[in-house]
Amino acid sequence: MRLTQEESERNRKQILDVAGKLFRERGFDAVSVDDLMKAAGFTHGGFYNHFASKAELVAEASAAGTAEARGALVDSLSDPRKDAWERFVRDYLSAEHRGDPASGCTLGALAADAGRKGPAVQARFAEALEGMTRALGEYLARKPSRGKRARAHRERALQMLSELVGALVLARAVAAADPALSDEILAANRRGLR
């Protein structure tokens, strides 16, 4: 039985959604096509009706996941309340986010993996980081800054985003072995990134 184009697009989106979650949870290389298709509710052979290769899926899932991360930051910073950034940091550096990489930020879950992939995946991460840097730089420019230039806002935004993602990565790296240290990393960075 032949699928309609609408059904095929819905199935493709489902595969991408499941792939994003599994990749964030396990890493790009720890998810096989067979594992992915089972989790999505399809057969292995159906994968190739939607993607030419796993590499293509990794690049598309990266694009979707990083766009979602960028969108979450932009949405948060467009909130008119003065503490938009602080609330974003509090949620990002929470025990809940640390403990659930599958539902969390693609940058925080897969940055190290992306560094081992080729230009197609790295380009998606670069696009997201540029968008997030721009959004945070514009947010910083709206705050009283004693004459800082756009370049200074960009540098500060890059620093803040690096600290944010790095803190999450480190907190996850030690969470099982030393939960107190993991909590301390999150708390220290929540305070430091205000």
C-alpha atoms as a PDB file:
ATOM      1  CA  MET A   1       0.000   0.000   0.000  1.00  0.00           C
ATOM      2  CA  ARG A   2       1.429   3.346  -1.062  1.00  0.00           C
ATOM      3  CA  LEU A   3       1.543   6.165   1.492  1.00  0.00           C
ATOM      4  CA  THR A   4       0.174   9.573   0.704  1.00  0.00           C
ATOM      5  CA  GLN A   5       2.669  12.421   0.664  1.00  0.00           C
ATOM      6  CA  GLU A   6       1.131  13.730   3.888  1.00  0.00           C
ATOM      7  CA  GLU A   7       1.586  10.349   5.616  1.00  0.00           C
ATOM      8  CA  SER A   8       5.139  10.102   4.340  1.00  0.00           C
ATOM      9  CA  GLU A   9       5.970  13.587   5.651  1.00  0.00           C
ATOM     10  CA  ARG A  10       4.392  12.753   9.009  1.00  0.00           C
ATOM     11  CA  ASN A  11       6.460   9.536   9.230  1.00  0.00           C
ATOM     12  CA  ARG A  12       9.636  11.428   8.311  1.00  0.00           C
ATOM     13  CA  LYS A  13       8.953  13.999  11.016  1.00  0.00           C
ATOM     14  CA  GLN A  14       8.345  11.228  13.536  1.00  0.00           C
ATOM     15  CA  ILE A  15      11.681   9.626  12.628  1.00  0.00           C
ATOM     16  CA  LEU A  16      13.431  12.989  13.002  1.00  0.00           C
ATOM     17  CA  ASP A  17      11.796  13.635  16.377  1.00  0.00           C
ATOM     18  CA  VAL A  18      12.715  10.218  17.731  1.00  0.00           C
ATOM     19  CA  ALA A  19      16.237  10.525  16.317  1.00  0.00           C
ATOM     20  CA  GLY A  20      16.724  13.874  18.038  1.00  0.00           C
ATOM     21  CA  LYS A  21      15.709  12.417  21.401  1.00  0.00           C
ATOM     22  CA  LEU A  22      17.808   9.281  21.025  1.00  0.00           C
ATOM     23  CA  PHE A  23      20.833  11.224  19.804  1.00  0.00           C
ATOM     24  CA  ARG A  24      20.605  13.640  22.748  1.00  0.00           C
ATOM     25  CA  GLU A  25      20.234  10.731  25.145  1.00  0.00           C
ATOM     26  CA  ARG A  26      22.919   8.390  23.747  1.00  0.00           C
ATOM     27  CA  GLY A  27      25.060  10.342  21.269  1.00  0.00           C
ATOM     28  CA  PHE A  28      25.137  10.147  17.481  1.00  0.00           C
ATOM     29  CA  ASP A  29      27.228   7.002  17.176  1.00  0.00           C
ATOM     30  CA  ALA A  30      25.424   4.986  19.867  1.00  0.00           C
ATOM     31  CA  VAL A  31      22.124   4.954  17.954  1.00  0.00           C
ATOM     32  CA  SER A  32      21.811   2.466  15.114  1.00  0.00           C
ATOM     33  CA  VAL A  33      19.336   2.827  12.276  1.00  0.00           C
ATOM     34  CA  ASP A  34      17.630  -0.331  13.524  1.00  0.00           C
ATOM     35  CA  ASP A  35      17.302   1.059  17.093  1.00  0.00           C
ATOM     36  CA  LEU A  36      15.958   4.313  15.752  1.00  0.00           C
ATOM     37  CA  MET A  37      13.369   2.774  13.458  1.00  0.00           C
ATOM     38  CA  LYS A  38      12.133   0.413  16.191  1.00  0.00           C
ATOM     39  CA  ALA A  39      11.747   3.339  18.586  1.00  0.00           C
ATOM     40  CA  ALA A  40       9.872   5.295  15.903  1.00  0.00           C
ATOM     41  CA  GLY A  41       7.586   2.320  15.227  1.00  0.00           C
ATOM     42  CA  PHE A  42       8.830   1.489  11.724  1.00  0.00           C
ATOM     43  CA  THR A  43      10.873  -1.227  10.031  1.00  0.00           C
ATOM     44  CA  HIS A  44      14.571  -0.841   9.273  1.00  0.00           C
ATOM     45  CA  GLY A  45      13.965  -0.861   5.515  1.00  0.00           C
ATOM     46  CA  GLY A  46      11.612   2.091   5.706  1.00  0.00           C
ATOM     47  CA  PHE A  47      14.471   4.339   6.790  1.00  0.00           C
ATOM     48  CA  TYR A  48      15.808   4.602   3.254  1.00  0.00           C
ATOM     49  CA  ASN A  49      12.462   5.876   1.971  1.00  0.00           C
ATOM     50  CA  HIS A  50      13.179   9.039   3.966  1.00  0.00           C
ATOM     51  CA  PHE A  51      16.969   9.397   4.228  1.00  0.00           C
ATOM     52  CA  ALA A  52      19.848   8.429   1.968  1.00  0.00           C
ATOM     53  CA  SER A  53      22.090   7.642   4.949  1.00  0.00           C
ATOM     54  CA  LYS A  54      22.452   7.928   8.689  1.00  0.00           C
ATOM     55  CA  ALA A  55      24.812  10.867   8.076  1.00  0.00           C
ATOM     56  CA  GLU A  56      21.977  12.715   6.341  1.00  0.00           C
ATOM     57  CA  LEU A  57      19.683  11.988   9.284  1.00  0.00           C
ATOM     58  CA  VAL A  58      22.312  13.185  11.771  1.00  0.00           C
ATOM     59  CA  ALA A  59      22.659  16.478   9.888  1.00  0.00           C
ATOM     60  CA  GLU A  60      18.884  16.997   9.669  1.00  0.00           C
ATOM     61  CA  ALA A  61      18.284  16.038  13.290  1.00  0.00           C
ATOM     62  CA  SER A  62      21.063  18.444  14.277  1.00  0.00           C
ATOM     63  CA  ALA A  63      19.419  21.208  12.271  1.00  0.00           C
ATOM     64  CA  ALA A  64      16.059  20.580  13.923  1.00  0.00           C
ATOM     65  CA  GLY A  65      17.470  20.258  17.431  1.00  0.00           C
ATOM     66  CA  THR A  66      19.719  23.287  17.267  1.00  0.00           C
ATOM     67  CA  ALA A  67      16.925  25.378  15.744  1.00  0.00           C
ATOM     68  CA  GLU A  68      14.774  24.372  18.697  1.00  0.00           C
ATOM     69  CA  ALA A  69      17.523  25.425  21.137  1.00  0.00           C
ATOM     70  CA  ARG A  70      17.903  28.769  19.384  1.00  0.00           C
ATOM     71  CA  GLY A  71      14.126  29.263  19.400  1.00  0.00           C
ATOM     72  CA  ALA A  72      13.879  28.538  23.119  1.00  0.00           C
ATOM     73  CA  LEU A  73      16.471  31.203  23.904  1.00  0.00           C
ATOM     74  CA  VAL A  74      14.943  33.768  21.541  1.00  0.00           C
ATOM     75  CA  ASP A  75      11.468  33.151  22.991  1.00  0.00           C
ATOM     76  CA  SER A  76      12.767  33.491  26.513  1.00  0.00           C
ATOM     77  CA  LEU A  77      14.670  36.709  25.825  1.00  0.00           C
ATOM     78  CA  SER A  78      11.700  38.289  24.070  1.00  0.00           C
ATOM     79  CA  ASP A  79       9.732  38.098  27.320  1.00  0.00           C
ATOM     80  CA  PRO A  80       9.315  41.734  28.425  1.00  0.00           C
ATOM     81  CA  ARG A  81      10.098  40.983  32.053  1.00  0.00           C
ATOM     82  CA  LYS A  82      13.509  42.225  33.186  1.00  0.00           C
ATOM     83  CA  ASP A  83      14.687  38.850  34.436  1.00  0.00           C
ATOM     84  CA  ALA A  84      14.266  36.912  31.160  1.00  0.00           C
ATOM     85  CA  TRP A  85      17.905  35.800  31.015  1.00  0.00           C
ATOM     86  CA  GLU A  86      18.014  34.861  34.681  1.00  0.00           C
ATOM     87  CA  ARG A  87      14.909  32.690  34.300  1.00  0.00           C
ATOM     88  CA  PHE A  88      16.379  31.030  31.212  1.00  0.00           C
ATOM     89  CA  VAL A  89      19.611  30.278  33.097  1.00  0.00           C
ATOM     90  CA  ARG A  90      17.696  28.926  36.099  1.00  0.00           C
ATOM     91  CA  ASP A  91      15.747  26.517  33.869  1.00  0.00           C
ATOM     92  CA  TYR A  92      18.737  25.545  31.722  1.00  0.00           C
ATOM     93  CA  LEU A  93      20.978  24.857  34.717  1.00  0.00           C
ATOM     94  CA  SER A  94      18.366  22.924  36.654  1.00  0.00           C
ATOM     95  CA  ALA A  95      18.596  19.395  38.003  1.00  0.00           C
ATOM     96  CA  GLU A  96      15.657  18.486  35.744  1.00  0.00           C
ATOM     97  CA  HIS A  97      17.430  19.611  32.571  1.00  0.00           C
ATOM     98  CA  ARG A  98      20.662  17.953  33.675  1.00  0.00           C
ATOM     99  CA  GLY A  99      18.842  14.674  34.269  1.00  0.00           C
ATOM    100  CA  ASP A 100      16.906  14.564  31.010  1.00  0.00           C
ATOM    101  CA  PRO A 101      19.200  15.122  28.030  1.00  0.00           C
ATOM    102  CA  ALA A 102      16.711  13.435  25.671  1.00  0.00           C
ATOM    103  CA  SER A 103      14.232  16.281  26.204  1.00  0.00           C
ATOM    104  CA  GLY A 104      16.805  19.033  26.642  1.00  0.00           C
ATOM    105  CA  CYS A 105      19.090  21.275  24.664  1.00  0.00           C
ATOM    106  CA  THR A 106      20.822  19.730  21.656  1.00  0.00           C
ATOM    107  CA  LEU A 107      23.875  21.932  22.169  1.00  0.00           C
ATOM    108  CA  GLY A 108      24.336  20.771  25.749  1.00  0.00           C
ATOM    109  CA  ALA A 109      23.800  17.125  24.845  1.00  0.00           C
ATOM    110  CA  LEU A 110      25.697  16.827  21.565  1.00  0.00           C
ATOM    111  CA  ALA A 111      28.331  19.579  21.310  1.00  0.00           C
ATOM    112  CA  ALA A 112      31.215  17.156  21.887  1.00  0.00           C
ATOM    113  CA  ASP A 113      29.758  14.696  19.370  1.00  0.00           C
ATOM    114  CA  ALA A 114      29.315  17.477  16.810  1.00  0.00           C
ATOM    115  CA  GLY A 115      33.011  18.265  17.132  1.00  0.00           C
ATOM    116  CA  ARG A 116      33.726  14.763  15.835  1.00  0.00           C
ATOM    117  CA  LYS A 117      31.372  15.038  12.866  1.00  0.00           C
ATOM    118  CA  GLY A 118      31.896  16.666   9.522  1.00  0.00           C
ATOM    119  CA  PRO A 119      31.016  20.111   8.212  1.00  0.00           C
ATOM    120  CA  ALA A 120      27.316  19.330   7.629  1.00  0.00           C
ATOM    121  CA  VAL A 121      26.646  18.718  11.341  1.00  0.00           C
ATOM    122  CA  GLN A 122      29.050  21.386  12.553  1.00  0.00           C
ATOM    123  CA  ALA A 123      27.373  23.941  10.284  1.00  0.00           C
ATOM    124  CA  ARG A 124      24.049  23.333  12.046  1.00  0.00           C
ATOM    125  CA  PHE A 125      25.659  23.915  15.429  1.00  0.00           C
ATOM    126  CA  ALA A 126      27.401  27.047  14.120  1.00  0.00           C
ATOM    127  CA  GLU A 127      24.105  28.430  12.770  1.00  0.00           C
ATOM    128  CA  ALA A 128      22.391  27.863  16.101  1.00  0.00           C
ATOM    129  CA  LEU A 129      25.248  29.370  18.067  1.00  0.00           C
ATOM    130  CA  GLU A 130      25.304  32.423  15.796  1.00  0.00           C
ATOM    131  CA  GLY A 131      21.558  32.884  16.231  1.00  0.00           C
ATOM    132  CA  MET A 132      21.767  32.466  19.983  1.00  0.00           C
ATOM    133  CA  THR A 133      24.739  34.840  20.192  1.00  0.00           C
ATOM    134  CA  ARG A 134      22.881  37.440  18.154  1.00  0.00           C
ATOM    135  CA  ALA A 135      19.759  37.135  20.322  1.00  0.00           C
ATOM    136  CA  LEU A 136      21.697  37.358  23.578  1.00  0.00           C
ATOM    137  CA  GLY A 137      23.857  40.205  22.242  1.00  0.00           C
ATOM    138  CA  GLU A 138      20.716  42.167  21.328  1.00  0.00           C
ATOM    139  CA  TYR A 139      19.279  41.445  24.772  1.00  0.00           C
ATOM    140  CA  LEU A 140      22.472  42.719  26.401  1.00  0.00           C
ATOM    141  CA  ALA A 141      22.389  45.846  24.212  1.00  0.00           C
ATOM    142  CA  ARG A 142      18.935  46.716  25.579  1.00  0.00           C
ATOM    143  CA  LYS A 143      20.297  46.739  29.112  1.00  0.00           C
ATOM    144  CA  PRO A 144      22.221  49.719  30.524  1.00  0.00           C
ATOM    145  CA  SER A 145      25.811  49.077  29.441  1.00  0.00           C
ATOM    146  CA  ARG A 146      27.877  52.218  29.937  1.00  0.00           C
ATOM    147  CA  GLY A 147      28.632  52.718  26.243  1.00  0.00           C
ATOM    148  CA  LYS A 148      29.538  49.165  25.245  1.00  0.00           C
ATOM    149  CA  ARG A 149      29.698  48.525  21.529  1.00  0.00           C
ATOM    150  CA  ALA A 150      28.019  45.729  19.599  1.00  0.00           C
ATOM    151  CA  ARG A 151      31.330  43.817  19.458  1.00  0.00           C
ATOM    152  CA  ALA A 152      31.554  43.824  23.253  1.00  0.00           C
ATOM    153  CA  HIS A 153      27.960  42.551  23.498  1.00  0.00           C
ATOM    154  CA  ARG A 154      28.774  39.747  21.043  1.00  0.00           C
ATOM    155  CA  GLU A 155      31.874  38.738  22.989  1.00  0.00           C
ATOM    156  CA  ARG A 156      29.967  38.744  26.274  1.00  0.00           C
ATOM    157  CA  ALA A 157      27.134  36.736  24.688  1.00  0.00           C
ATOM    158  CA  LEU A 158      29.602  34.120  23.394  1.00  0.00           C
ATOM    159  CA  GLN A 159      31.192  33.922  26.822  1.00  0.00           C
ATOM    160  CA  MET A 160      27.849  33.549  28.583  1.00  0.00           C
ATOM    161  CA  LEU A 161      26.595  30.865  26.193  1.00  0.00           C
ATOM    162  CA  SER A 162      29.875  28.958  26.491  1.00  0.00           C
ATOM    163  CA  GLU A 163      29.623  29.053  30.270  1.00  0.00           C
ATOM    164  CA  LEU A 164      25.985  27.982  30.149  1.00  0.00           C
ATOM    165  CA  VAL A 165      26.514  24.961  27.907  1.00  0.00           C
ATOM    166  CA  GLY A 166      29.851  24.072  29.510  1.00  0.00           C
ATOM    167  CA  ALA A 167      28.330  24.067  32.977  1.00  0.00           C
ATOM    168  CA  LEU A 168      25.575  21.699  31.856  1.00  0.00           C
ATOM    169  CA  VAL A 169      28.081  19.374  30.171  1.00  0.00           C
ATOM    170  CA  LEU A 170      30.330  19.268  33.250  1.00  0.00           C
ATOM    171  CA  ALA A 171      27.396  18.803  35.634  1.00  0.00           C
ATOM    172  CA  ARG A 172      26.227  15.829  33.574  1.00  0.00           C
ATOM    173  CA  ALA A 173      29.749  14.412  33.368  1.00  0.00           C
ATOM    174  CA  VAL A 174      30.011  14.021  37.149  1.00  0.00           C
ATOM    175  CA  ALA A 175      26.360  13.604  38.185  1.00  0.00           C
ATOM    176  CA  ALA A 176      26.416   9.849  38.842  1.00  0.00           C
ATOM    177  CA  ALA A 177      29.812   9.778  40.546  1.00  0.00           C
ATOM    178  CA  ASP A 178      29.517  12.962  42.599  1.00  0.00           C
ATOM    179  CA  PRO A 179      25.984  14.397  42.728  1.00  0.00           C
ATOM    180  CA  ALA A 180      27.022  17.113  45.191  1.00  0.00           C
ATOM    181  CA  LEU A 181      29.720  18.385  42.812  1.00  0.00           C
ATOM    182  CA  SER A 182      27.240  18.295  39.942  1.00  0.00           C
ATOM    183  CA  ASP A 183      24.746  20.374  41.948  1.00  0.00           C
ATOM    184  CA  GLU A 184      27.539  22.753  42.937  1.00  0.00           C
ATOM    185  CA  ILE A 185      28.506  23.302  39.282  1.00  0.00           C
ATOM    186  CA  LEU A 186      24.903  24.147  38.399  1.00  0.00           C
ATOM    187  CA  ALA A 187      24.465  26.478  41.390  1.00  0.00           C
ATOM    188  CA  ALA A 188      27.769  28.291  40.881  1.00  0.00           C
ATOM    189  CA  ASN A 189      26.959  28.991  37.253  1.00  0.00           C
ATOM    190  CA  ARG A 190      23.380  30.021  37.960  1.00  0.00           C
ATOM    191  CA  ARG A 191      24.821  32.691  40.284  1.00  0.00           C
ATOM    192  CA  GLY A 192      27.683  33.634  37.976  1.00  0.00           C
ATOM    193  CA  LEU A 193      25.570  34.033  34.849  1.00  0.00           C
ATOM    194  CA  ARG A 194      23.176  36.620  36.253  1.00  0.00           C
END
